[in-house]
Every structure is written in C-alpha cells, then in structure tokens.
Amino acid sequence: GAIGSYKNPQSHRNVSIVDPTEAVEMIILASHLLK
C-alpha cells in the first residue's frame, strides 16, 4: 500500500506535494519501512 500510494503514482504522472508537514509524515513512514 505504501509503494502503491506514495511511489507508484509519481512514477507515472506529476504529483504535487505542497505541504511540508504532509511530506514529513510520508518520509518518516518510508524511513520506518526501510528499517
């Protein structure tokens, strides 16, 4: 779900993220999954 929601869409189209707080939440999730 994480890859499908946050990585795959940006592989196929432009996805705009303008809220830094939203980006922080996503990046922290990615960090947790990588660990």
All heavy atoms as atom14 arrays in JSON, in Angstrom:
{
  "sequence": "GAIGSYKNPQSHRNVSIVDPTEAVEMIILASHLLK",
  "atom14_mask": [
    [1, 1, 1, 1, 0, 0, 0, 0, 0, 0, 0, 0, 0, 0],
    [1, 1, 1, 1, 1, 0, 0, 0, 0, 0, 0, 0, 0, 0],
    [1, 1, 1, 1, 1, 1, 1, 1, 0, 0, 0, 0, 0, 0],
    [1, 1, 1, 1, 0, 0, 0, 0, 0, 0, 0, 0, 0, 0],
    [1, 1, 1, 1, 1, 1, 0, 0, 0, 0, 0, 0, 0, 0],
    [1, 1, 1, 1, 1, 1, 1, 1, 1, 1, 1, 1, 0, 0],
    [1, 1, 1, 1, 1, 1, 1, 1, 1, 0, 0, 0, 0, 0],
    [1, 1, 1, 1, 1, 1, 1, 1, 0, 0, 0, 0, 0, 0],
    [1, 1, 1, 1, 1, 1, 1, 0, 0, 0, 0, 0, 0, 0],
    [1, 1, 1, 1, 1, 1, 1, 1, 1, 0, 0, 0, 0, 0],
    [1, 1, 1, 1, 1, 1, 0, 0, 0, 0, 0, 0, 0, 0],
    [1, 1, 1, 1, 1, 1, 1, 1, 1, 1, 0, 0, 0, 0],
    [1, 1, 1, 1, 1, 1, 1, 1, 1, 1, 1, 0, 0, 0],
    [1, 1, 1, 1, 1, 1, 1, 1, 0, 0, 0, 0, 0, 0],
    [1, 1, 1, 1, 1, 1, 1, 0, 0, 0, 0, 0, 0, 0],
    [1, 1, 1, 1, 1, 1, 0, 0, 0, 0, 0, 0, 0, 0],
    [1, 1, 1, 1, 1, 1, 1, 1, 0, 0, 0, 0, 0, 0],
    [1, 1, 1, 1, 1, 1, 1, 0, 0, 0, 0, 0, 0, 0],
    [1, 1, 1, 1, 1, 1, 1, 1, 0, 0, 0, 0, 0, 0],
    [1, 1, 1, 1, 1, 1, 1, 0, 0, 0, 0, 0, 0, 0],
    [1, 1, 1, 1, 1, 1, 1, 0, 0, 0, 0, 0, 0, 0],
    [1, 1, 1, 1, 1, 1, 1, 1, 1, 0, 0, 0, 0, 0],
    [1, 1, 1, 1, 1, 0, 0, 0, 0, 0, 0, 0, 0, 0],
    [1, 1, 1, 1, 1, 1, 1, 0, 0, 0, 0, 0, 0, 0],
    [1, 1, 1, 1, 1, 1, 1, 1, 1, 0, 0, 0, 0, 0],
    [1, 1, 1, 1, 1, 1, 1, 1, 0, 0, 0, 0, 0, 0],
    [1, 1, 1, 1, 1, 1, 1, 1, 0, 0, 0, 0, 0, 0],
    [1, 1, 1, 1, 1, 1, 1, 1, 0, 0, 0, 0, 0, 0],
    [1, 1, 1, 1, 1, 1, 1, 1, 0, 0, 0, 0, 0, 0],
    [1, 1, 1, 1, 1, 0, 0, 0, 0, 0, 0, 0, 0, 0],
    [1, 1, 1, 1, 1, 1, 0, 0, 0, 0, 0, 0, 0, 0],
    [1, 1, 1, 1, 1, 1, 1, 1, 1, 1, 0, 0, 0, 0],
    [1, 1, 1, 1, 1, 1, 1, 1, 0, 0, 0, 0, 0, 0],
    [1, 1, 1, 1, 1, 1, 1, 1, 0, 0, 0, 0, 0, 0],
    [1, 1, 1, 1, 1, 1, 1, 1, 1, 0, 0, 0, 0, 0]
  ],
  "atom14_positions": [
    [[0.81, -1.22, 0.0], [0.0, 0.0, 0.0], [0.84, 1.26, 0.0], [0.51, 2.24, -0.68], [0.0, 0.0, 0.0], [0.0, 0.0, 0.0], [0.0, 0.0, 0.0], [0.0, 0.0, 0.0], [0.0, 0.0, 0.0], [0.0, 0.0, 0.0], [0.0, 0.0, 0.0], [0.0, 0.0, 0.0], [0.0, 0.0, 0.0], [0.0, 0.0, 0.0]],
    [[1.93, 1.23, 0.75], [2.79, 2.41, 0.81], [3.43, 2.69, -0.55], [3.46, 3.83, -1.02], [3.87, 2.22, 1.87], [0.0, 0.0, 0.0], [0.0, 0.0, 0.0], [0.0, 0.0, 0.0], [0.0, 0.0, 0.0], [0.0, 0.0, 0.0], [0.0, 0.0, 0.0], [0.0, 0.0, 0.0], [0.0, 0.0, 0.0], [0.0, 0.0, 0.0]],
    [[3.96, 1.64, -1.18], [4.57, 1.82, -2.51], [3.5, 2.24, -3.52], [3.73, 3.12, -4.36], [5.27, 0.52, -2.96], [6.49, 0.25, -2.08], [5.67, 0.61, -4.43], [7.59, 1.3, -2.18], [0.0, 0.0, 0.0], [0.0, 0.0, 0.0], [0.0, 0.0, 0.0], [0.0, 0.0, 0.0], [0.0, 0.0, 0.0], [0.0, 0.0, 0.0]],
    [[2.34, 1.61, -3.44], [1.27, 1.94, -4.37], [0.75, 3.35, -4.21], [0.36, 4.0, -5.19], [0.0, 0.0, 0.0], [0.0, 0.0, 0.0], [0.0, 0.0, 0.0], [0.0, 0.0, 0.0], [0.0, 0.0, 0.0], [0.0, 0.0, 0.0], [0.0, 0.0, 0.0], [0.0, 0.0, 0.0], [0.0, 0.0, 0.0], [0.0, 0.0, 0.0]],
    [[0.77, 3.86, -2.98], [0.22, 5.18, -2.71], [1.22, 6.31, -2.9], [0.87, 7.38, -3.4], [-0.32, 5.24, -1.27], [-1.4, 4.34, -1.1], [0.0, 0.0, 0.0], [0.0, 0.0, 0.0], [0.0, 0.0, 0.0], [0.0, 0.0, 0.0], [0.0, 0.0, 0.0], [0.0, 0.0, 0.0], [0.0, 0.0, 0.0], [0.0, 0.0, 0.0]],
    [[2.47, 6.08, -2.51], [3.43, 7.18, -2.43], [4.57, 7.13, -3.46], [5.19, 8.14, -3.72], [4.04, 7.23, -1.03], [3.01, 7.38, 0.05], [2.95, 6.49, 1.12], [2.07, 8.41, 0.0], [1.99, 6.62, 2.11], [1.1, 8.54, 0.99], [1.07, 7.64, 2.04], [0.13, 7.77, 3.02], [0.0, 0.0, 0.0], [0.0, 0.0, 0.0]],
    [[4.82, 5.94, -4.03], [5.89, 5.85, -5.03], [5.33, 5.68, -6.43], [5.7, 6.41, -7.36], [6.83, 4.71, -4.67], [8.11, 4.65, -5.51], [7.94, 3.71, -6.7], [9.18, 3.66, -7.57], [9.0, 2.78, -8.76], [0.0, 0.0, 0.0], [0.0, 0.0, 0.0], [0.0, 0.0, 0.0], [0.0, 0.0, 0.0], [0.0, 0.0, 0.0]],
    [[4.42, 4.73, -6.62], [3.94, 4.43, -7.97], [3.26, 5.6, -8.68], [3.53, 5.83, -9.86], [2.99, 3.23, -7.94], [3.74, 1.92, -7.77], [4.97, 1.91, -7.7], [3.02, 0.82, -7.69], [0.0, 0.0, 0.0], [0.0, 0.0, 0.0], [0.0, 0.0, 0.0], [0.0, 0.0, 0.0], [0.0, 0.0, 0.0], [0.0, 0.0, 0.0]],
    [[2.38, 6.36, -8.01], [1.74, 7.47, -8.73], [2.74, 8.46, -9.31], [2.55, 8.97, -10.42], [0.87, 8.13, -7.65], [0.57, 7.02, -6.69], [1.83, 6.2, -6.66], [0.0, 0.0, 0.0], [0.0, 0.0, 0.0], [0.0, 0.0, 0.0], [0.0, 0.0, 0.0], [0.0, 0.0, 0.0], [0.0, 0.0, 0.0], [0.0, 0.0, 0.0]],
    [[3.82, 8.74, -8.58], [4.81, 9.69, -9.07], [5.69, 9.1, -10.16], [6.42, 9.83, -10.84], [5.67, 10.18, -7.9], [4.86, 10.94, -6.87], [5.73, 11.66, -5.88], [6.41, 12.61, -6.22], [5.72, 11.19, -4.64], [0.0, 0.0, 0.0], [0.0, 0.0, 0.0], [0.0, 0.0, 0.0], [0.0, 0.0, 0.0], [0.0, 0.0, 0.0]],
    [[5.62, 7.78, -10.33], [6.36, 7.16, -11.43], [5.65, 7.37, -12.76], [6.26, 7.25, -13.82], [6.5, 5.65, -11.18], [7.19, 5.38, -9.97], [0.0, 0.0, 0.0], [0.0, 0.0, 0.0], [0.0, 0.0, 0.0], [0.0, 0.0, 0.0], [0.0, 0.0, 0.0], [0.0, 0.0, 0.0], [0.0, 0.0, 0.0], [0.0, 0.0, 0.0]],
    [[4.36, 7.67, -12.7], [3.55, 7.73, -13.92], [3.01, 9.11, -14.24], [2.6, 9.37, -15.36], [2.38, 6.74, -13.8], [2.8, 5.36, -13.4], [3.67, 4.6, -14.15], [2.5, 4.61, -12.31], [3.86, 3.42, -13.56], [3.18, 3.41, -12.44], [0.0, 0.0, 0.0], [0.0, 0.0, 0.0], [0.0, 0.0, 0.0], [0.0, 0.0, 0.0]],
    [[2.99, 10.01, -13.25], [2.45, 11.34, -13.5], [3.02, 12.31, -12.48], [3.64, 11.91, -11.49], [0.92, 11.33, -13.41], [0.37, 11.02, -12.02], [-1.15, 11.05, -12.01], [-1.7, 10.92, -10.67], [-1.92, 9.77, -10.06], [-1.63, 8.64, -10.67], [-2.43, 9.75, -8.84], [0.0, 0.0, 0.0], [0.0, 0.0, 0.0], [0.0, 0.0, 0.0]],
    [[2.83, 13.6, -12.75], [3.28, 14.62, -11.81], [2.33, 14.67, -10.61], [1.13, 14.86, -10.78], [3.32, 15.99, -12.49], [4.43, 16.07, -13.53], [5.46, 15.44, -13.39], [4.2, 16.84, -14.58], [0.0, 0.0, 0.0], [0.0, 0.0, 0.0], [0.0, 0.0, 0.0], [0.0, 0.0, 0.0], [0.0, 0.0, 0.0], [0.0, 0.0, 0.0]],
    [[2.88, 14.48, -9.43], [2.1, 14.55, -8.2], [2.67, 15.69, -7.37], [3.83, 15.67, -6.99], [2.17, 13.22, -7.41], [1.41, 13.35, -6.1], [1.62, 12.07, -8.25], [0.0, 0.0, 0.0], [0.0, 0.0, 0.0], [0.0, 0.0, 0.0], [0.0, 0.0, 0.0], [0.0, 0.0, 0.0], [0.0, 0.0, 0.0], [0.0, 0.0, 0.0]],
    [[1.84, 16.67, -7.1], [2.31, 17.85, -6.38], [2.07, 17.7, -4.88], [0.95, 17.42, -4.45], [1.59, 19.1, -6.9], [2.0, 20.24, -6.19], [0.0, 0.0, 0.0], [0.0, 0.0, 0.0], [0.0, 0.0, 0.0], [0.0, 0.0, 0.0], [0.0, 0.0, 0.0], [0.0, 0.0, 0.0], [0.0, 0.0, 0.0], [0.0, 0.0, 0.0]],
    [[3.13, 17.87, -4.1], [3.04, 17.89, -2.64], [3.53, 19.26, -2.2], [4.7, 19.58, -2.35], [3.89, 16.79, -1.99], [3.44, 15.41, -2.49], [3.79, 16.86, -0.47], [4.32, 14.27, -2.0], [0.0, 0.0, 0.0], [0.0, 0.0, 0.0], [0.0, 0.0, 0.0], [0.0, 0.0, 0.0], [0.0, 0.0, 0.0], [0.0, 0.0, 0.0]],
    [[2.63, 20.08, -1.69], [2.99, 21.44, -1.31], [3.07, 21.64, 0.2], [3.62, 22.63, 0.66], [2.0, 22.46, -1.92], [2.04, 22.41, -3.44], [0.57, 22.18, -1.43], [0.0, 0.0, 0.0], [0.0, 0.0, 0.0], [0.0, 0.0, 0.0], [0.0, 0.0, 0.0], [0.0, 0.0, 0.0], [0.0, 0.0, 0.0], [0.0, 0.0, 0.0]],
    [[2.53, 20.71, 0.95], [2.5, 20.83, 2.41], [3.72, 20.11, 3.0], [3.82, 18.88, 2.91], [1.21, 20.22, 2.96], [1.09, 20.38, 4.47], [2.05, 20.87, 5.1], [0.03, 20.01, 5.01], [0.0, 0.0, 0.0], [0.0, 0.0, 0.0], [0.0, 0.0, 0.0], [0.0, 0.0, 0.0], [0.0, 0.0, 0.0], [0.0, 0.0, 0.0]],
    [[4.66, 20.84, 3.6], [5.85, 20.18, 4.16], [5.52, 19.18, 5.26], [6.2, 18.16, 5.41], [6.69, 21.34, 4.69], [5.75, 22.48, 4.85], [4.71, 22.29, 3.79], [0.0, 0.0, 0.0], [0.0, 0.0, 0.0], [0.0, 0.0, 0.0], [0.0, 0.0, 0.0], [0.0, 0.0, 0.0], [0.0, 0.0, 0.0], [0.0, 0.0, 0.0]],
    [[4.49, 19.46, 6.04], [4.1, 18.53, 7.1], [3.66, 17.2, 6.53], [4.01, 16.13, 7.05], [2.96, 19.13, 7.95], [3.4, 20.37, 8.51], [2.57, 18.19, 9.07], [0.0, 0.0, 0.0], [0.0, 0.0, 0.0], [0.0, 0.0, 0.0], [0.0, 0.0, 0.0], [0.0, 0.0, 0.0], [0.0, 0.0, 0.0], [0.0, 0.0, 0.0]],
    [[2.91, 17.24, 5.45], [2.48, 16.02, 4.78], [3.69, 15.25, 4.26], [3.77, 14.02, 4.4], [1.54, 16.37, 3.63], [0.95, 15.17, 2.91], [0.03, 15.56, 1.78], [0.06, 16.73, 1.35], [-0.72, 14.68, 1.3], [0.0, 0.0, 0.0], [0.0, 0.0, 0.0], [0.0, 0.0, 0.0], [0.0, 0.0, 0.0], [0.0, 0.0, 0.0]],
    [[4.64, 15.96, 3.68], [5.85, 15.32, 3.18], [6.65, 14.67, 4.3], [7.17, 13.56, 4.16], [6.72, 16.33, 2.43], [0.0, 0.0, 0.0], [0.0, 0.0, 0.0], [0.0, 0.0, 0.0], [0.0, 0.0, 0.0], [0.0, 0.0, 0.0], [0.0, 0.0, 0.0], [0.0, 0.0, 0.0], [0.0, 0.0, 0.0], [0.0, 0.0, 0.0]],
    [[6.75, 15.36, 5.44], [7.47, 14.81, 6.6], [6.84, 13.5, 7.04], [7.54, 12.51, 7.31], [7.47, 15.83, 7.76], [7.92, 15.17, 9.06], [8.38, 17.01, 7.44], [0.0, 0.0, 0.0], [0.0, 0.0, 0.0], [0.0, 0.0, 0.0], [0.0, 0.0, 0.0], [0.0, 0.0, 0.0], [0.0, 0.0, 0.0], [0.0, 0.0, 0.0]],
    [[5.52, 13.47, 7.12], [4.83, 12.26, 7.55], [5.13, 11.09, 6.62], [5.36, 9.95, 7.05], [3.32, 12.53, 7.62], [2.93, 13.51, 8.72], [1.5, 13.98, 8.61], [0.85, 13.68, 7.57], [1.01, 14.66, 9.54], [0.0, 0.0, 0.0], [0.0, 0.0, 0.0], [0.0, 0.0, 0.0], [0.0, 0.0, 0.0], [0.0, 0.0, 0.0]],
    [[5.12, 11.37, 5.31], [5.4, 10.31, 4.34], [6.84, 9.82, 4.43], [7.11, 8.61, 4.38], [5.14, 10.84, 2.92], [3.69, 11.2, 2.64], [3.51, 11.92, 0.99], [1.78, 12.38, 1.0], [0.0, 0.0, 0.0], [0.0, 0.0, 0.0], [0.0, 0.0, 0.0], [0.0, 0.0, 0.0], [0.0, 0.0, 0.0], [0.0, 0.0, 0.0]],
    [[7.77, 10.75, 4.58], [9.19, 10.39, 4.64], [9.5, 9.58, 5.9], [10.28, 8.63, 5.87], [10.06, 11.66, 4.57], [9.95, 12.28, 3.16], [11.51, 11.35, 4.89], [10.52, 13.68, 3.06], [0.0, 0.0, 0.0], [0.0, 0.0, 0.0], [0.0, 0.0, 0.0], [0.0, 0.0, 0.0], [0.0, 0.0, 0.0], [0.0, 0.0, 0.0]],
    [[8.88, 9.95, 7.01], [9.08, 9.19, 8.25], [8.54, 7.77, 8.1], [9.14, 6.79, 8.57], [8.44, 9.91, 9.44], [9.24, 11.18, 9.78], [8.35, 9.0, 10.66], [8.65, 12.0, 10.88], [0.0, 0.0, 0.0], [0.0, 0.0, 0.0], [0.0, 0.0, 0.0], [0.0, 0.0, 0.0], [0.0, 0.0, 0.0], [0.0, 0.0, 0.0]],
    [[7.39, 7.63, 7.43], [6.85, 6.3, 7.16], [7.84, 5.49, 6.32], [8.12, 4.32, 6.62], [5.51, 6.4, 6.44], [4.93, 5.07, 5.93], [4.69, 4.1, 7.07], [3.63, 5.31, 5.14], [0.0, 0.0, 0.0], [0.0, 0.0, 0.0], [0.0, 0.0, 0.0], [0.0, 0.0, 0.0], [0.0, 0.0, 0.0], [0.0, 0.0, 0.0]],
    [[8.37, 6.11, 5.27], [9.35, 5.42, 4.42], [10.56, 4.99, 5.23], [11.08, 3.88, 5.05], [9.76, 6.34, 3.27], [0.0, 0.0, 0.0], [0.0, 0.0, 0.0], [0.0, 0.0, 0.0], [0.0, 0.0, 0.0], [0.0, 0.0, 0.0], [0.0, 0.0, 0.0], [0.0, 0.0, 0.0], [0.0, 0.0, 0.0], [0.0, 0.0, 0.0]],
    [[11.02, 5.83, 6.11], [12.17, 5.52, 6.94], [11.88, 4.31, 7.83], [12.71, 3.41, 7.99], [12.54, 6.74, 7.79], [13.67, 6.48, 8.58], [0.0, 0.0, 0.0], [0.0, 0.0, 0.0], [0.0, 0.0, 0.0], [0.0, 0.0, 0.0], [0.0, 0.0, 0.0], [0.0, 0.0, 0.0], [0.0, 0.0, 0.0], [0.0, 0.0, 0.0]],
    [[10.7, 4.29, 8.41], [10.31, 3.17, 9.27], [10.28, 1.87, 8.47], [10.8, 0.82, 8.93], [8.94, 3.45, 9.87], [8.36, 2.3, 10.65], [8.93, 1.84, 11.81], [7.29, 1.51, 10.4], [8.22, 0.81, 12.27], [7.23, 0.59, 11.43], [0.0, 0.0, 0.0], [0.0, 0.0, 0.0], [0.0, 0.0, 0.0], [0.0, 0.0, 0.0]],
    [[9.72, 1.91, 7.28], [9.64, 0.71, 6.45], [11.03, 0.23, 6.03], [11.3, -0.98, 6.0], [8.78, 0.97, 5.22], [7.3, 1.29, 5.48], [6.56, 1.51, 4.17], [6.63, 0.19, 6.29], [0.0, 0.0, 0.0], [0.0, 0.0, 0.0], [0.0, 0.0, 0.0], [0.0, 0.0, 0.0], [0.0, 0.0, 0.0], [0.0, 0.0, 0.0]],
    [[11.92, 1.16, 5.73], [13.27, 0.78, 5.33], [14.02, 0.12, 6.49], [14.81, -0.8, 6.3], [14.03, 1.99, 4.81], [15.38, 1.71, 4.13], [15.24, 0.66, 3.04], [15.97, 2.99, 3.56], [0.0, 0.0, 0.0], [0.0, 0.0, 0.0], [0.0, 0.0, 0.0], [0.0, 0.0, 0.0], [0.0, 0.0, 0.0], [0.0, 0.0, 0.0]],
    [[13.76, 0.59, 7.69], [14.38, -0.04, 8.86], [13.87, -1.47, 9.05], [14.62, -2.36, 9.49], [14.1, 0.8, 10.11], [14.86, 2.14, 10.13], [14.5, 3.0, 11.32], [15.24, 4.33, 11.28], [14.86, 5.21, 12.4], [0.0, 0.0, 0.0], [0.0, 0.0, 0.0], [0.0, 0.0, 0.0], [0.0, 0.0, 0.0], [0.0, 0.0, 0.0]]
  ]
}
